[in-house]
PDB file of all heavy atoms in Angstrom:
ATOM      1  N   LYS A   1      -5.225   3.148 -10.131  1.00  0.00           N
ATOM      2  CA  LYS A   1      -4.262   2.818 -11.160  1.00  0.00           C
ATOM      3  C   LYS A   1      -2.882   3.541 -10.743  1.00  0.00           C
ATOM      4  O   LYS A   1      -2.923   4.735 -10.413  1.00  0.00           O
ATOM      5  CB  LYS A   1      -4.642   3.202 -12.540  1.00  0.00           C
ATOM      6  CG  LYS A   1      -5.587   2.280 -13.206  1.00  0.00           C
ATOM      7  CD  LYS A   1      -5.754   2.730 -14.623  1.00  0.00           C
ATOM      8  CE  LYS A   1      -6.648   1.585 -15.400  1.00  0.00           C
ATOM      9  NZ  LYS A   1      -6.703   1.956 -16.814  1.00  0.00           N
ATOM     10  N   GLN A   2      -1.861   2.776 -10.813  1.00  0.00           N
ATOM     11  CA  GLN A   2      -0.473   3.389 -10.650  1.00  0.00           C
ATOM     12  C   GLN A   2       0.430   2.886 -11.820  1.00  0.00           C
ATOM     13  O   GLN A   2       0.749   1.665 -11.840  1.00  0.00           O
ATOM     14  CB  GLN A   2       0.083   2.949  -9.307  1.00  0.00           C
ATOM     15  CG  GLN A   2      -0.804   3.408  -8.065  1.00  0.00           C
ATOM     16  CD  GLN A   2      -0.197   2.750  -6.738  1.00  0.00           C
ATOM     17  OE1 GLN A   2      -0.217   1.486  -6.582  1.00  0.00           O
ATOM     18  NE2 GLN A   2       0.369   3.579  -5.929  1.00  0.00           N
ATOM     19  N   GLY A   3       0.688   3.781 -12.614  1.00  0.00           N
ATOM     20  CA  GLY A   3       1.416   3.330 -13.886  1.00  0.00           C
ATOM     21  C   GLY A   3       2.775   2.704 -13.577  1.00  0.00           C
ATOM     22  O   GLY A   3       3.111   1.822 -14.367  1.00  0.00           O
ATOM     23  N   TYR A   4       3.379   3.018 -12.485  1.00  0.00           N
ATOM     24  CA  TYR A   4       4.671   2.405 -12.243  1.00  0.00           C
ATOM     25  C   TYR A   4       4.554   0.982 -11.716  1.00  0.00           C
ATOM     26  O   TYR A   4       5.453   0.234 -11.595  1.00  0.00           O
ATOM     27  CB  TYR A   4       5.565   3.281 -11.209  1.00  0.00           C
ATOM     28  CG  TYR A   4       5.109   3.343  -9.751  1.00  0.00           C
ATOM     29  CD1 TYR A   4       5.700   2.420  -8.943  1.00  0.00           C
ATOM     30  CD2 TYR A   4       4.036   4.093  -9.330  1.00  0.00           C
ATOM     31  CE1 TYR A   4       5.285   2.448  -7.584  1.00  0.00           C
ATOM     32  CE2 TYR A   4       3.632   4.032  -7.982  1.00  0.00           C
ATOM     33  CZ  TYR A   4       4.238   3.233  -7.270  1.00  0.00           C
ATOM     34  OH  TYR A   4       3.839   3.190  -5.814  1.00  0.00           O
ATOM     35  N   VAL A   5       3.381   0.559 -11.339  1.00  0.00           N
ATOM     36  CA  VAL A   5       3.012  -0.784 -10.881  1.00  0.00           C
ATOM     37  C   VAL A   5       2.403  -1.561 -11.843  1.00  0.00           C
ATOM     38  O   VAL A   5       2.897  -2.675 -12.095  1.00  0.00           O
ATOM     39  CB  VAL A   5       2.080  -0.687  -9.604  1.00  0.00           C
ATOM     40  CG1 VAL A   5       1.588  -1.999  -9.258  1.00  0.00           C
ATOM     41  CG2 VAL A   5       2.703   0.089  -8.532  1.00  0.00           C
ATOM     42  N   SER A   6       1.381  -1.084 -12.618  1.00  0.00           N
ATOM     43  CA  SER A   6       0.570  -1.900 -13.490  1.00  0.00           C
ATOM     44  C   SER A   6      -0.259  -0.977 -14.514  1.00  0.00           C
ATOM     45  O   SER A   6      -0.576   0.215 -13.967  1.00  0.00           O
ATOM     46  CB  SER A   6      -0.288  -2.912 -12.652  1.00  0.00           C
ATOM     47  OG  SER A   6      -1.062  -3.591 -13.616  1.00  0.00           O
ATOM     48  N   GLU A   7      -0.589  -1.621 -15.479  1.00  0.00           N
ATOM     49  CA  GLU A   7      -1.598  -0.769 -16.333  1.00  0.00           C
ATOM     50  C   GLU A   7      -2.966  -0.977 -15.912  1.00  0.00           C
ATOM     51  O   GLU A   7      -3.974  -0.332 -16.300  1.00  0.00           O
ATOM     52  CB  GLU A   7      -1.387  -1.215 -17.862  1.00  0.00           C
ATOM     53  CG  GLU A   7      -0.061  -0.772 -18.418  1.00  0.00           C
ATOM     54  CD  GLU A   7       0.035  -1.202 -19.885  1.00  0.00           C
ATOM     55  OE1 GLU A   7      -0.944  -1.687 -20.460  1.00  0.00           O
ATOM     56  OE2 GLU A   7       1.200  -1.108 -20.474  1.00  0.00           O
ATOM     57  N   ASN A   8      -3.181  -2.000 -15.141  1.00  0.00           N
ATOM     58  CA  ASN A   8      -4.520  -2.540 -14.548  1.00  0.00           C
ATOM     59  C   ASN A   8      -4.835  -1.734 -13.337  1.00  0.00           C
ATOM     60  O   ASN A   8      -4.001  -1.167 -12.721  1.00  0.00           O
ATOM     61  CB  ASN A   8      -4.518  -3.969 -14.269  1.00  0.00           C
ATOM     62  CG  ASN A   8      -4.192  -4.757 -15.533  1.00  0.00           C
ATOM     63  OD1 ASN A   8      -4.649  -4.604 -16.573  1.00  0.00           O
ATOM     64  ND2 ASN A   8      -3.379  -5.788 -15.302  1.00  0.00           N
ATOM     65  N   TYR A   9      -6.120  -1.875 -12.943  1.00  0.00           N
ATOM     66  CA  TYR A   9      -6.554  -1.380 -11.629  1.00  0.00           C
ATOM     67  C   TYR A   9      -6.031  -2.318 -10.672  1.00  0.00           C
ATOM     68  O   TYR A   9      -6.038  -3.528 -10.876  1.00  0.00           O
ATOM     69  CB  TYR A   9      -8.114  -1.300 -11.654  1.00  0.00           C
ATOM     70  CG  TYR A   9      -8.721   0.047 -12.210  1.00  0.00           C
ATOM     71  CD1 TYR A   9      -9.106   0.057 -13.393  1.00  0.00           C
ATOM     72  CD2 TYR A   9      -8.753   1.152 -11.417  1.00  0.00           C
ATOM     73  CE1 TYR A   9      -9.674   1.259 -13.966  1.00  0.00           C
ATOM     74  CE2 TYR A   9      -9.235   2.288 -11.934  1.00  0.00           C
ATOM     75  CZ  TYR A   9      -9.710   2.299 -13.205  1.00  0.00           C
ATOM     76  OH  TYR A   9     -10.236   3.453 -13.722  1.00  0.00           O
ATOM     77  N   VAL A  10      -5.694  -1.785  -9.491  1.00  0.00           N
ATOM     78  CA  VAL A  10      -5.177  -2.516  -8.427  1.00  0.00           C
ATOM     79  C   VAL A  10      -5.784  -2.125  -7.094  1.00  0.00           C
ATOM     80  O   VAL A  10      -6.456  -1.060  -7.094  1.00  0.00           O
ATOM     81  CB  VAL A  10      -3.637  -2.494  -8.349  1.00  0.00           C
ATOM     82  CG1 VAL A  10      -2.942  -3.005  -9.504  1.00  0.00           C
ATOM     83  CG2 VAL A  10      -3.186  -1.048  -8.111  1.00  0.00           C
ATOM     84  N   ASN A  11      -5.513  -2.757  -5.991  1.00  0.00           N
ATOM     85  CA  ASN A  11      -5.952  -2.354  -4.705  1.00  0.00           C
ATOM     86  C   ASN A  11      -4.927  -1.314  -4.110  1.00  0.00           C
ATOM     87  O   ASN A  11      -3.707  -1.353  -4.511  1.00  0.00           O
ATOM     88  CB  ASN A  11      -6.014  -3.643  -3.755  1.00  0.00           C
ATOM     89  CG  ASN A  11      -7.023  -4.662  -4.310  1.00  0.00           C
ATOM     90  OD1 ASN A  11      -6.781  -5.362  -5.137  1.00  0.00           O
ATOM     91  ND2 ASN A  11      -8.226  -4.474  -3.672  1.00  0.00           N
ATOM     92  N   VAL A  12      -5.465  -0.587  -3.102  1.00  0.00           N
ATOM     93  CA  VAL A  12      -4.412   0.146  -2.314  1.00  0.00           C
ATOM     94  C   VAL A  12      -3.526  -0.787  -1.662  1.00  0.00           C
ATOM     95  O   VAL A  12      -3.754  -1.730  -1.190  1.00  0.00           O
ATOM     96  CB  VAL A  12      -5.303   0.982  -1.269  1.00  0.00           C
ATOM     97  CG1 VAL A  12      -4.272   1.572  -0.196  1.00  0.00           C
ATOM     98  CG2 VAL A  12      -5.959   1.995  -1.955  1.00  0.00           C
ATOM     99  N   ALA A  13      -2.135  -0.407  -1.625  1.00  0.00           N
ATOM    100  CA  ALA A  13      -1.226  -1.274  -1.049  1.00  0.00           C
ATOM    101  C   ALA A  13       0.028  -0.409  -0.590  1.00  0.00           C
ATOM    102  O   ALA A  13       0.216   0.682  -1.135  1.00  0.00           O
ATOM    103  CB  ALA A  13      -0.657  -2.323  -1.978  1.00  0.00           C
ATOM    104  N   GLY A  14       0.900  -1.020   0.245  1.00  0.00           N
ATOM    105  CA  GLY A  14       2.089  -0.202   0.553  1.00  0.00           C
ATOM    106  C   GLY A  14       2.941  -1.014   1.648  1.00  0.00           C
ATOM    107  O   GLY A  14       2.414  -2.032   2.244  1.00  0.00           O
ATOM    108  N   TYR A  15       4.044  -0.508   1.856  1.00  0.00           N
ATOM    109  CA  TYR A  15       5.079  -1.191   2.656  1.00  0.00           C
ATOM    110  C   TYR A  15       4.739  -0.945   4.266  1.00  0.00           C
ATOM    111  O   TYR A  15       4.501   0.183   4.534  1.00  0.00           O
ATOM    112  CB  TYR A  15       6.493  -0.684   2.394  1.00  0.00           C
ATOM    113  CG  TYR A  15       7.001  -1.314   1.017  1.00  0.00           C
ATOM    114  CD1 TYR A  15       6.899  -0.688  -0.016  1.00  0.00           C
ATOM    115  CD2 TYR A  15       7.512  -2.692   1.061  1.00  0.00           C
ATOM    116  CE1 TYR A  15       7.367  -1.298  -1.360  1.00  0.00           C
ATOM    117  CE2 TYR A  15       7.992  -3.272  -0.171  1.00  0.00           C
ATOM    118  CZ  TYR A  15       7.926  -2.475  -1.317  1.00  0.00           C
ATOM    119  OH  TYR A  15       8.241  -3.037  -2.430  1.00  0.00           O
ATOM    120  N   VAL A  16       5.028  -1.806   4.983  1.00  0.00           N
ATOM    121  CA  VAL A  16       4.948  -1.671   6.459  1.00  0.00           C
ATOM    122  C   VAL A  16       6.214  -0.968   6.880  1.00  0.00           C
ATOM    123  O   VAL A  16       7.388  -1.351   6.575  1.00  0.00           O
ATOM    124  CB  VAL A  16       4.798  -2.986   7.207  1.00  0.00           C
ATOM    125  CG1 VAL A  16       4.757  -2.757   8.785  1.00  0.00           C
ATOM    126  CG2 VAL A  16       3.552  -3.786   6.808  1.00  0.00           C
ATOM    127  N   LYS A  17       6.084   0.258   7.539  1.00  0.00           N
ATOM    128  CA  LYS A  17       7.210   0.994   8.063  1.00  0.00           C
ATOM    129  C   LYS A  17       7.663   0.485   9.386  1.00  0.00           C
ATOM    130  O   LYS A  17       6.924  -0.071  10.096  1.00  0.00           O
ATOM    131  CB  LYS A  17       6.809   2.402   8.198  1.00  0.00           C
ATOM    132  CG  LYS A  17       6.621   3.096   6.828  1.00  0.00           C
ATOM    133  CD  LYS A  17       6.306   4.521   7.093  1.00  0.00           C
ATOM    134  CE  LYS A  17       6.064   5.344   5.730  1.00  0.00           C
ATOM    135  NZ  LYS A  17       5.797   6.808   5.948  1.00  0.00           N
ATOM    136  N   ARG A  18       8.946   0.665   9.660  1.00  0.00           N
ATOM    137  CA  ARG A  18       9.541   0.127  10.925  1.00  0.00           C
ATOM    138  C   ARG A  18       8.709   0.748  12.192  1.00  0.00           C
ATOM    139  O   ARG A  18       8.361   1.961  12.154  1.00  0.00           O
ATOM    140  CB  ARG A  18      11.010   0.611  11.033  1.00  0.00           C
ATOM    141  CG  ARG A  18      11.737   0.309  12.301  1.00  0.00           C
ATOM    142  CD  ARG A  18      13.119   0.742  12.325  1.00  0.00           C
ATOM    143  NE  ARG A  18      13.847   0.455  11.173  1.00  0.00           N
ATOM    144  CZ  ARG A  18      14.842  -0.544  11.204  1.00  0.00           C
ATOM    145  NH1 ARG A  18      15.247  -1.137  12.348  1.00  0.00           N
ATOM    146  NH2 ARG A  18      15.513  -0.820  10.204  1.00  0.00           N
ATOM    147  N   GLY A  19       8.391  -0.055  13.091  1.00  0.00           N
ATOM    148  CA  GLY A  19       7.606   0.313  14.293  1.00  0.00           C
ATOM    149  C   GLY A  19       6.125   0.377  14.073  1.00  0.00           C
ATOM    150  O   GLY A  19       5.442   0.862  14.902  1.00  0.00           O
ATOM    151  N   GLU A  20       5.643   0.042  12.791  1.00  0.00           N
ATOM    152  CA  GLU A  20       4.288   0.135  12.547  1.00  0.00           C
ATOM    153  C   GLU A  20       3.610  -1.251  12.450  1.00  0.00           C
ATOM    154  O   GLU A  20       4.324  -2.132  12.002  1.00  0.00           O
ATOM    155  CB  GLU A  20       4.180   0.803  11.097  1.00  0.00           C
ATOM    156  CG  GLU A  20       2.899   1.277  10.767  1.00  0.00           C
ATOM    157  CD  GLU A  20       2.901   2.007   9.339  1.00  0.00           C
ATOM    158  OE1 GLU A  20       3.391   1.583   8.357  1.00  0.00           O
ATOM    159  OE2 GLU A  20       2.364   3.217   9.341  1.00  0.00           O
ATOM    160  N   THR A  21       2.363  -1.380  12.947  1.00  0.00           N
ATOM    161  CA  THR A  21       1.792  -2.748  12.712  1.00  0.00           C
ATOM    162  C   THR A  21       1.094  -2.698  11.375  1.00  0.00           C
ATOM    163  O   THR A  21       0.879  -1.688  10.774  1.00  0.00           O
ATOM    164  CB  THR A  21       0.591  -2.829  13.799  1.00  0.00           C
ATOM    165  OG1 THR A  21      -0.457  -1.863  13.586  1.00  0.00           O
ATOM    166  CG2 THR A  21       1.109  -2.722  15.302  1.00  0.00           C
ATOM    167  N   PRO A  22       0.819  -3.887  10.886  1.00  0.00           N
ATOM    168  CA  PRO A  22       0.243  -4.001   9.547  1.00  0.00           C
ATOM    169  C   PRO A  22      -1.174  -3.358   9.479  1.00  0.00           C
ATOM    170  O   PRO A  22      -1.410  -2.655   8.543  1.00  0.00           O
ATOM    171  CB  PRO A  22       0.031  -5.612   9.316  1.00  0.00           C
ATOM    172  CG  PRO A  22       1.135  -6.145  10.115  1.00  0.00           C
ATOM    173  CD  PRO A  22       1.312  -5.248  11.341  1.00  0.00           C
ATOM    174  N   GLU A  23      -1.878  -3.368  10.683  1.00  0.00           N
ATOM    175  CA  GLU A  23      -3.151  -2.777  10.707  1.00  0.00           C
ATOM    176  C   GLU A  23      -2.980  -1.205  10.515  1.00  0.00           C
ATOM    177  O   GLU A  23      -3.782  -0.528   9.878  1.00  0.00           O
ATOM    178  CB  GLU A  23      -3.895  -3.155  12.064  1.00  0.00           C
ATOM    179  CG  GLU A  23      -4.355  -4.530  12.128  1.00  0.00           C
ATOM    180  CD  GLU A  23      -3.232  -5.512  12.520  1.00  0.00           C
ATOM    181  OE1 GLU A  23      -2.206  -5.069  12.732  1.00  0.00           O
ATOM    182  OE2 GLU A  23      -3.546  -6.650  12.647  1.00  0.00           O
ATOM    183  N   ASN A  24      -2.124  -0.650  11.324  1.00  0.00           N
ATOM    184  CA  ASN A  24      -1.809   0.768  11.224  1.00  0.00           C
ATOM    185  C   ASN A  24      -1.415   1.194   9.730  1.00  0.00           C
ATOM    186  O   ASN A  24      -1.798   2.203   9.307  1.00  0.00           O
ATOM    187  CB  ASN A  24      -0.714   1.194  12.176  1.00  0.00           C
ATOM    188  CG  ASN A  24      -1.060   1.151  13.571  1.00  0.00           C
ATOM    189  OD1 ASN A  24      -0.299   0.770  14.518  1.00  0.00           O
ATOM    190  ND2 ASN A  24      -2.342   1.507  13.942  1.00  0.00           N
ATOM    191  N   THR A  25      -0.544   0.318   9.214  1.00  0.00           N
ATOM    192  CA  THR A  25      -0.196   0.524   7.893  1.00  0.00           C
ATOM    193  C   THR A  25      -1.372   0.592   6.775  1.00  0.00           C
ATOM    194  O   THR A  25      -1.422   1.454   5.951  1.00  0.00           O
ATOM    195  CB  THR A  25       0.820  -0.582   7.354  1.00  0.00           C
ATOM    196  OG1 THR A  25       1.967  -0.666   8.199  1.00  0.00           O
ATOM    197  CG2 THR A  25       1.338  -0.324   5.912  1.00  0.00           C
ATOM    198  N   ALA A  26      -2.312  -0.315   7.022  1.00  0.00           N
ATOM    199  CA  ALA A  26      -3.590  -0.319   6.178  1.00  0.00           C
ATOM    200  C   ALA A  26      -4.263   0.935   6.240  1.00  0.00           C
ATOM    201  O   ALA A  26      -4.734   1.601   5.187  1.00  0.00           O
ATOM    202  CB  ALA A  26      -4.423  -1.462   6.449  1.00  0.00           C
ATOM    203  N   VAL A  27      -4.439   1.467   7.518  1.00  0.00           N
ATOM    204  CA  VAL A  27      -5.195   2.730   7.748  1.00  0.00           C
ATOM    205  C   VAL A  27      -4.369   3.823   7.059  1.00  0.00           C
ATOM    206  O   VAL A  27      -4.907   4.585   6.377  1.00  0.00           O
ATOM    207  CB  VAL A  27      -5.314   2.881   9.187  1.00  0.00           C
ATOM    208  CG1 VAL A  27      -5.781   4.353   9.595  1.00  0.00           C
ATOM    209  CG2 VAL A  27      -6.347   1.967   9.836  1.00  0.00           C
ATOM    210  N   ARG A  28      -3.069   3.880   7.228  1.00  0.00           N
ATOM    211  CA  ARG A  28      -2.273   5.029   6.662  1.00  0.00           C
ATOM    212  C   ARG A  28      -2.237   4.967   5.184  1.00  0.00           C
ATOM    213  O   ARG A  28      -2.458   5.971   4.514  1.00  0.00           O
ATOM    214  CB  ARG A  28      -0.832   4.792   7.223  1.00  0.00           C
ATOM    215  CG  ARG A  28       0.219   5.906   6.547  1.00  0.00           C
ATOM    216  CD  ARG A  28       1.628   5.658   7.166  1.00  0.00           C
ATOM    217  NE  ARG A  28       2.183   4.295   6.828  1.00  0.00           N
ATOM    218  CZ  ARG A  28       2.643   3.842   5.810  1.00  0.00           C
ATOM    219  NH1 ARG A  28       2.463   4.591   4.598  1.00  0.00           N
ATOM    220  NH2 ARG A  28       3.104   2.614   5.689  1.00  0.00           N
ATOM    221  N   GLU A  29      -2.098   3.727   4.545  1.00  0.00           N
ATOM    222  CA  GLU A  29      -2.078   3.721   3.146  1.00  0.00           C
ATOM    223  C   GLU A  29      -3.388   4.130   2.385  1.00  0.00           C
ATOM    224  O   GLU A  29      -3.509   4.755   1.474  1.00  0.00           O
ATOM    225  CB  GLU A  29      -1.719   2.272   2.696  1.00  0.00           C
ATOM    226  CG  GLU A  29      -0.347   1.989   2.841  1.00  0.00           C
ATOM    227  CD  GLU A  29       0.658   2.705   2.027  1.00  0.00           C
ATOM    228  OE1 GLU A  29       0.336   3.365   1.023  1.00  0.00           O
ATOM    229  OE2 GLU A  29       1.932   2.814   2.444  1.00  0.00           O
TER     230      GLU A  29
END
């Protein structure tokens, strides 16, 4: 739960940073 995103339960998520692959972003997040 992240109050600034939603009152509901959500999945882990985040932005892909410059130079990062989506797979690396998933691991990092």
